[in-house]
Amino acid sequence: MNPIEQIHVTTPEGAYPIFVGDLTPLPALPIEAGECGLCAVITDPRVGALYAERTANALRAQGFDPRVIQIPEGETYKTLDTVRTVYDQLIDARLDRRSLILALGGGVVGDLAGFVSATYLRGVPFVQMPTTLLAMVDASVGGKVAVDHPRGKNLIGAFKQPRAVLADITTLATLPEREWRAGMAEAVKHGIIGDVGLFEQLEIGNWRLEIGRWIGRALRVKVDIVTRDPFEQGERAKLNLGHTFGHALETLSNYELHHGEGVAIGLVCAARLAARRNLCRARLATRIENLLAVIGLPTRVPRAMSSEALLAAMAADKKRVAAHLRFVLPRALGDVIVTDSVSRQDIVSVLNELRA
């Protein structure tokens, strides 16, 4: 994908660039190395083995003195216990308030490294370097960073805008098939929310060969929304399409269900719920389900997860309003609404209807 595509994000804290394409060598970072040049690259063992040395060498070429910090791989380690071990290593390395933290990995690494950067020494500069499709089209953009709590996903977090997002699509060549499909769920979600043409392009297929044609479109849906609503006071809630169901499914699976897989099932649940409430035509729900199934994503609620357990998990979701669950429901492609007036009976009916 050449030339490199550049997208600008405007936030209350200032603007930052997203670079998308073949980013070898690393683009010049929008921050000076400083006197000591100390920085930290937070990654996991799998991504680190592939890209940590390359990244560290590129940083040295720009005057930085990098320290690579590895955290265990997987959502189950996106916790305050892991954060504490990272703090210890940052303190030992003597990183100061001008030192840079870079997140090299998928959504878990980006969330945790972002939370660390928001809280270490009351905040240090931060750069996202997503290496998964899901992180590139969704998790790395918008400034929401968090860790999980035993009672729910992303319950402890902050808003921390990166100084830049470096989405090097060459890293997708080593992405496992399951991770690729999971990222596609977020791309489909963005098409439903705000880009009919993107959804139709994904329906055609050839996602890998045509990634240069649609990844920027998927990113721009989120960028446009977070620019208008950086702190999730209104419109940004639309980006949670499928997530009220999806986060509950992830939690009950003890995170054996990938985030993108939970979102995929959640998208089908949301579409069926919208059709049940006559907000959209049944054909739209079928169309969404068919696309996700063709991609190879799950579209059914696991039989082992009872409706009562799922409702209890949803009740702990941070998106609830008082005692009411909040859902994002599609009315048509490119047209979704946020509502907290969904009956328990309708939720249970949809869950039972979609049970595998």
Protein backbone atom coordinates (compact mmCIF):
# COMPACT_ATOMS: atom_id res chain seq x y z
CA MET A 1 0.00 0.00 0.00
CA ASN A 2 2.03 2.91 -1.27
CA PRO A 3 2.12 5.79 -0.86
CA ILE A 4 1.50 5.80 2.89
CA GLU A 5 -1.97 7.04 3.78
CA GLN A 6 -2.12 9.72 6.46
CA ILE A 7 -5.25 10.54 8.45
CA HIS A 8 -5.43 13.40 10.94
CA VAL A 9 -7.37 13.19 14.19
CA THR A 10 -8.34 16.37 16.05
CA THR A 11 -8.87 16.18 19.82
CA PRO A 12 -9.21 18.74 22.65
CA GLU A 13 -5.56 17.98 23.50
CA GLY A 14 -4.42 18.65 19.94
CA ALA A 15 -4.17 16.79 16.64
CA TYR A 16 -2.30 13.58 15.93
CA PRO A 17 -1.56 11.63 12.73
CA ILE A 18 -2.45 8.06 11.79
CA PHE A 19 -0.02 6.54 9.29
CA VAL A 20 -1.32 3.50 7.40
CA GLY A 21 0.75 1.43 4.99
CA ASP A 22 4.19 -0.13 4.67
CA LEU A 23 5.96 1.74 7.46
CA THR A 24 9.42 0.27 7.05
CA PRO A 25 11.42 2.25 7.95
CA LEU A 26 9.51 3.85 10.81
CA PRO A 27 8.17 7.37 10.05
CA ALA A 28 9.70 10.21 12.02
CA LEU A 29 7.91 10.38 15.36
CA PRO A 30 6.15 13.67 16.25
CA ILE A 31 8.12 13.94 19.50
CA GLU A 32 11.75 14.69 20.29
CA ALA A 33 13.94 12.05 21.91
CA GLY A 34 14.97 14.53 24.62
CA GLU A 35 18.23 14.68 26.54
CA CYS A 36 18.39 11.03 27.59
CA GLY A 37 16.11 9.63 24.88
CA LEU A 38 14.75 6.92 27.16
CA CYS A 39 11.58 5.25 25.93
CA ALA A 40 9.72 1.99 26.56
CA VAL A 41 8.31 -0.42 23.98
CA ILE A 42 5.56 -2.47 25.60
CA THR A 43 4.75 -5.67 23.74
CA ASP A 44 3.96 -9.36 24.27
CA PRO A 45 6.23 -12.37 23.63
CA ARG A 46 4.72 -13.33 20.26
CA VAL A 47 4.79 -9.84 18.72
CA GLY A 48 8.05 -9.00 20.45
CA ALA A 49 9.81 -11.97 18.88
CA LEU A 50 8.75 -10.73 15.44
CA TYR A 51 9.02 -6.96 15.64
CA ALA A 52 10.63 -5.69 18.87
CA GLU A 53 14.21 -5.67 17.58
CA ARG A 54 13.21 -4.00 14.30
CA THR A 55 11.28 -1.35 16.23
CA ALA A 56 14.09 -0.76 18.73
CA ASN A 57 16.62 -0.29 15.91
CA ALA A 58 14.31 2.20 14.16
CA LEU A 59 13.95 4.12 17.42
CA ARG A 60 17.71 4.21 17.94
CA ALA A 61 18.08 5.65 14.46
CA GLN A 62 15.86 8.55 15.60
CA GLY A 63 17.94 9.18 18.75
CA PHE A 64 15.89 7.17 21.26
CA ASP A 65 17.23 4.72 23.85
CA PRO A 66 14.53 2.02 23.97
CA ARG A 67 13.74 -0.48 26.71
CA VAL A 68 11.57 -3.43 25.65
CA ILE A 69 9.01 -4.54 28.25
CA GLN A 70 7.05 -7.73 27.65
CA ILE A 71 3.68 -8.49 29.20
CA PRO A 72 1.96 -11.89 29.05
CA GLU A 73 -0.22 -12.44 25.98
CA GLY A 74 -4.00 -12.43 26.25
CA GLU A 75 -6.99 -10.57 27.68
CA THR A 76 -6.74 -12.42 31.01
CA TYR A 77 -3.53 -10.45 31.71
CA LYS A 78 -5.02 -7.02 30.98
CA THR A 79 -5.20 -6.30 34.71
CA LEU A 80 -3.90 -3.98 37.39
CA ASP A 81 -1.48 -6.72 38.49
CA THR A 82 0.19 -6.58 35.08
CA VAL A 83 0.16 -2.78 35.18
CA ARG A 84 2.02 -2.87 38.48
CA THR A 85 4.81 -5.03 37.00
CA VAL A 86 5.15 -2.54 34.12
CA TYR A 87 5.36 0.38 36.57
CA ASP A 88 8.21 -1.42 38.37
CA GLN A 89 10.16 -1.78 35.12
CA LEU A 90 9.58 1.85 34.10
CA ILE A 91 10.81 3.02 37.50
CA ASP A 92 13.86 0.73 37.32
CA ALA A 93 14.65 2.10 33.83
CA ARG A 94 14.35 5.67 35.23
CA LEU A 95 11.84 6.89 32.64
CA ASP A 96 10.76 10.44 33.37
CA ARG A 97 7.78 12.60 32.34
CA ARG A 98 9.30 13.34 28.92
CA SER A 99 9.93 9.68 28.15
CA LEU A 100 7.87 8.01 25.46
CA ILE A 101 5.84 4.81 25.78
CA LEU A 102 5.09 2.84 22.61
CA ALA A 103 2.47 0.10 22.41
CA LEU A 104 3.62 -2.60 19.96
CA GLY A 105 0.91 -5.21 19.56
CA GLY A 106 -2.81 -5.78 19.45
CA GLY A 107 -5.69 -4.32 21.41
CA VAL A 108 -4.65 -5.77 24.77
CA VAL A 109 -1.16 -4.28 24.53
CA GLY A 110 -2.54 -0.96 23.31
CA ASP A 111 -5.13 -0.73 26.08
CA LEU A 112 -2.72 -1.63 28.85
CA ALA A 113 0.21 0.45 27.58
CA GLY A 114 -2.15 3.39 27.10
CA PHE A 115 -3.45 3.05 30.65
CA VAL A 116 0.12 2.92 31.93
CA SER A 117 1.05 6.04 29.94
CA ALA A 118 -2.01 7.87 31.31
CA THR A 119 -1.11 7.11 34.92
CA TYR A 120 2.68 6.77 35.20
CA LEU A 121 4.01 10.04 36.66
CA ARG A 122 0.51 11.48 35.99
CA GLY A 123 0.96 10.98 32.27
CA VAL A 124 3.73 10.52 29.71
CA PRO A 125 3.68 10.68 25.87
CA PHE A 126 2.29 7.64 24.09
CA VAL A 127 2.41 6.18 20.56
CA GLN A 128 0.26 3.32 19.27
CA MET A 129 1.90 0.77 16.97
CA PRO A 130 -0.93 -1.71 16.26
CA THR A 131 0.03 -5.05 14.73
CA THR A 132 -3.43 -6.65 14.46
CA LEU A 133 -6.26 -5.74 12.13
CA LEU A 134 -8.62 -5.18 15.05
CA ALA A 135 -6.24 -2.72 16.68
CA MET A 136 -5.57 -0.93 13.38
CA VAL A 137 -9.22 -0.29 12.49
CA ASP A 138 -10.53 0.28 16.01
CA ALA A 139 -8.66 -0.13 19.30
CA SER A 140 -5.65 2.09 18.56
CA VAL A 141 -7.72 5.15 17.66
CA GLY A 142 -9.74 7.43 19.91
CA GLY A 143 -7.83 7.57 23.18
CA LYS A 144 -9.86 5.12 25.28
CA VAL A 145 -7.47 3.00 27.37
CA ALA A 146 -8.36 0.57 30.12
CA VAL A 147 -7.76 -2.65 32.01
CA ASP A 148 -10.26 -5.27 33.06
CA HIS A 149 -11.74 -6.00 36.47
CA PRO A 150 -12.87 -9.50 37.53
CA ARG A 151 -16.45 -8.23 37.34
CA GLY A 152 -16.26 -6.72 33.86
CA LYS A 153 -14.23 -5.69 30.83
CA ASN A 154 -12.53 -2.27 30.66
CA LEU A 155 -14.06 -1.07 33.94
CA ILE A 156 -10.86 0.74 35.00
CA GLY A 157 -9.60 3.22 32.46
CA ALA A 158 -8.90 6.71 31.22
CA PHE A 159 -8.86 8.87 28.13
CA LYS A 160 -5.32 9.17 26.79
CA GLN A 161 -4.75 10.41 23.26
CA PRO A 162 -1.66 9.06 21.47
CA ARG A 163 0.87 11.35 19.84
CA ALA A 164 0.60 9.17 16.73
CA VAL A 165 -0.74 5.86 15.44
CA LEU A 166 1.62 3.87 13.22
CA ALA A 167 -0.38 1.13 11.48
CA ASP A 168 2.19 -0.90 9.57
CA ILE A 169 0.16 -3.29 7.43
CA THR A 170 3.23 -5.44 6.72
CA THR A 171 2.76 -6.86 10.25
CA LEU A 172 -0.55 -8.39 9.12
CA ALA A 173 1.44 -10.94 7.09
CA THR A 174 2.20 -12.79 10.34
CA LEU A 175 -1.29 -12.40 11.82
CA PRO A 176 -2.94 -15.71 12.76
CA GLU A 177 -6.16 -16.49 10.87
CA ARG A 178 -8.33 -16.16 13.97
CA GLU A 179 -6.92 -12.70 14.69
CA TRP A 180 -7.54 -11.63 11.10
CA ARG A 181 -11.20 -12.68 11.24
CA ALA A 182 -11.61 -10.95 14.61
CA GLY A 183 -10.42 -7.67 13.13
CA MET A 184 -12.89 -8.02 10.29
CA ALA A 185 -15.73 -7.90 12.84
CA GLU A 186 -14.81 -4.32 13.74
CA ALA A 187 -14.54 -3.37 10.07
CA VAL A 188 -18.05 -4.74 9.46
CA LYS A 189 -19.25 -2.81 12.50
CA HIS A 190 -17.89 0.44 11.09
CA GLY A 191 -19.63 -0.22 7.79
CA ILE A 192 -22.96 -0.69 9.58
CA ILE A 193 -22.48 2.46 11.63
CA GLY A 194 -21.36 4.91 9.00
CA ASP A 195 -20.26 3.67 5.58
CA VAL A 196 -22.67 1.77 3.34
CA GLY A 197 -20.03 1.55 0.61
CA LEU A 198 -17.56 -0.07 3.02
CA PHE A 199 -20.12 -2.71 4.01
CA GLU A 200 -20.91 -3.44 0.36
CA GLN A 201 -17.20 -3.63 -0.47
CA LEU A 202 -16.68 -6.18 2.31
CA GLU A 203 -19.61 -8.22 0.99
CA ILE A 204 -17.73 -8.62 -2.30
CA GLY A 205 -14.86 -10.37 -0.53
CA ASN A 206 -11.11 -10.31 -1.37
CA TRP A 207 -10.50 -8.65 1.99
CA ARG A 208 -6.79 -9.42 2.15
CA LEU A 209 -5.99 -8.53 -1.45
CA GLU A 210 -8.05 -5.35 -1.28
CA ILE A 211 -7.05 -4.18 2.21
CA GLY A 212 -5.42 -1.05 0.82
CA ARG A 213 -8.82 0.00 -0.56
CA TRP A 214 -10.90 -0.38 2.61
CA ILE A 215 -8.77 -0.15 5.76
CA GLY A 216 -8.63 3.66 5.53
CA ARG A 217 -12.41 3.80 5.06
CA ALA A 218 -12.94 1.69 8.18
CA LEU A 219 -10.61 3.95 10.16
CA ARG A 220 -12.32 7.13 8.98
CA VAL A 221 -15.70 6.03 10.35
CA LYS A 222 -14.22 5.95 13.83
CA VAL A 223 -12.05 9.04 13.34
CA ASP A 224 -15.04 11.12 12.20
CA ILE A 225 -17.07 10.11 15.26
CA VAL A 226 -14.35 10.50 17.91
CA THR A 227 -13.40 13.89 16.48
CA ARG A 228 -16.96 15.10 17.12
CA ASP A 229 -17.31 13.34 20.49
CA PRO A 230 -13.87 12.67 22.04
CA PHE A 231 -15.13 11.86 25.56
CA GLU A 232 -18.15 9.70 24.68
CA GLN A 233 -20.77 12.22 25.73
CA GLY A 234 -23.15 11.33 22.89
CA GLU A 235 -22.49 10.18 19.33
CA ARG A 236 -19.40 8.14 20.18
CA ALA A 237 -21.65 5.62 21.93
CA LYS A 238 -22.60 4.41 18.44
CA LEU A 239 -19.18 2.77 18.21
CA ASN A 240 -20.39 0.32 20.86
CA LEU A 241 -22.64 -1.42 18.33
CA GLY A 242 -22.61 -5.11 19.28
CA HIS A 243 -20.52 -4.50 22.39
CA THR A 244 -23.17 -4.74 25.13
CA PHE A 245 -23.79 -8.34 24.09
CA GLY A 246 -20.16 -8.88 23.04
CA HIS A 247 -18.49 -7.86 26.29
CA ALA A 248 -20.87 -10.07 28.29
CA LEU A 249 -20.04 -13.03 26.04
CA GLU A 250 -16.30 -12.40 26.44
CA THR A 251 -16.56 -12.14 30.22
CA LEU A 252 -18.56 -15.36 30.61
CA SER A 253 -16.11 -17.22 28.37
CA ASN A 254 -13.26 -16.12 30.66
CA TYR A 255 -11.93 -14.39 27.53
CA GLU A 256 -11.53 -17.62 25.60
CA LEU A 257 -13.87 -15.91 23.14
CA HIS A 258 -11.88 -13.30 21.21
CA HIS A 259 -13.12 -9.71 21.40
CA GLY A 260 -13.87 -9.68 17.67
CA GLU A 261 -15.78 -12.94 17.99
CA GLY A 262 -17.87 -11.50 20.82
CA VAL A 263 -18.52 -8.39 18.72
CA ALA A 264 -19.58 -10.54 15.75
CA ILE A 265 -22.18 -12.39 17.83
CA GLY A 266 -23.17 -9.07 19.38
CA LEU A 267 -23.75 -7.51 15.96
CA VAL A 268 -26.13 -10.33 15.04
CA CYS A 269 -27.90 -10.00 18.41
CA ALA A 270 -28.25 -6.23 17.97
CA ALA A 271 -29.60 -6.59 14.44
CA ARG A 272 -32.11 -9.27 15.51
CA LEU A 273 -33.15 -7.08 18.44
CA ALA A 274 -33.66 -4.12 16.09
CA ALA A 275 -35.75 -6.26 13.73
CA ARG A 276 -37.82 -7.57 16.65
CA ARG A 277 -38.59 -3.98 17.65
CA ASN A 278 -39.43 -3.05 14.02
CA LEU A 279 -36.52 -0.63 13.81
CA CYS A 280 -35.12 -2.35 10.74
CA ARG A 281 -36.15 -4.92 8.18
CA ALA A 282 -35.45 -8.57 8.94
CA ARG A 283 -33.44 -8.67 5.71
CA LEU A 284 -30.83 -6.33 7.21
CA ALA A 285 -30.26 -8.70 10.14
CA THR A 286 -29.88 -11.59 7.71
CA ARG A 287 -27.47 -9.61 5.55
CA ILE A 288 -25.25 -8.76 8.54
CA GLU A 289 -25.29 -12.34 9.77
CA ASN A 290 -24.44 -13.72 6.32
CA LEU A 291 -21.42 -11.44 5.90
CA LEU A 292 -20.04 -12.36 9.31
CA ALA A 293 -20.57 -16.06 8.62
CA VAL A 294 -18.79 -15.83 5.24
CA ILE A 295 -15.83 -14.18 6.99
CA GLY A 296 -15.75 -17.18 9.33
CA LEU A 297 -16.92 -15.47 12.51
CA PRO A 298 -19.35 -16.99 15.04
CA THR A 299 -22.94 -15.78 14.82
CA ARG A 300 -24.61 -17.80 17.59
CA VAL A 301 -24.77 -17.45 21.37
CA PRO A 302 -22.95 -20.39 23.03
CA ARG A 303 -25.49 -22.81 24.50
CA ALA A 304 -23.53 -23.04 27.75
CA MET A 305 -24.19 -19.34 28.48
CA SER A 306 -27.63 -18.90 30.01
CA SER A 307 -29.69 -15.80 29.39
CA GLU A 308 -29.66 -15.05 33.13
CA ALA A 309 -25.87 -15.18 33.27
CA LEU A 310 -25.55 -12.97 30.21
CA LEU A 311 -27.99 -10.42 31.62
CA ALA A 312 -26.04 -10.35 34.87
CA ALA A 313 -22.81 -9.75 32.96
CA MET A 314 -24.47 -6.97 30.96
CA ALA A 315 -25.64 -5.36 34.21
CA ALA A 316 -21.97 -4.79 35.14
CA ASP A 317 -21.24 -3.16 31.78
CA LYS A 318 -19.91 0.40 32.01
CA LYS A 319 -22.28 1.46 29.20
CA ARG A 320 -25.40 1.00 31.34
CA VAL A 321 -27.43 4.07 32.35
CA ALA A 322 -28.49 3.68 36.00
CA ALA A 323 -30.38 0.37 36.01
CA HIS A 324 -30.96 0.39 32.24
CA LEU A 325 -28.87 -1.46 29.69
CA ARG A 326 -27.80 0.64 26.73
CA PHE A 327 -27.87 -0.83 23.24
CA VAL A 328 -26.86 0.45 19.83
CA LEU A 329 -29.33 -0.81 17.23
CA PRO A 330 -29.24 -0.53 13.42
CA ARG A 331 -32.14 0.98 11.50
CA ALA A 332 -30.38 0.65 8.15
CA LEU A 333 -26.83 0.49 6.87
CA GLY A 334 -25.21 3.75 7.92
CA ASP A 335 -27.97 4.54 10.42
CA VAL A 336 -27.84 3.36 14.06
CA ILE A 337 -29.47 4.64 17.24
CA VAL A 338 -28.58 4.43 20.92
CA THR A 339 -31.35 3.37 23.28
CA ASP A 340 -31.81 2.29 26.89
CA SER A 341 -35.48 1.37 26.56
CA VAL A 342 -35.13 -2.28 25.58
CA SER A 343 -37.25 -4.75 27.52
CA ARG A 344 -35.74 -7.72 29.32
CA GLN A 345 -38.20 -9.95 27.47
CA ASP A 346 -36.93 -8.83 24.06
CA ILE A 347 -33.30 -9.38 25.11
CA VAL A 348 -34.01 -12.90 26.38
CA SER A 349 -36.04 -13.73 23.26
CA VAL A 350 -33.15 -12.74 20.98
CA LEU A 351 -30.61 -14.67 23.07
CA ASN A 352 -32.76 -17.80 22.98
CA GLU A 353 -33.42 -17.38 19.26
CA LEU A 354 -29.68 -17.29 18.54
CA ARG A 355 -28.50 -19.99 20.93
CA ALA A 356 -26.15 -22.45 19.24
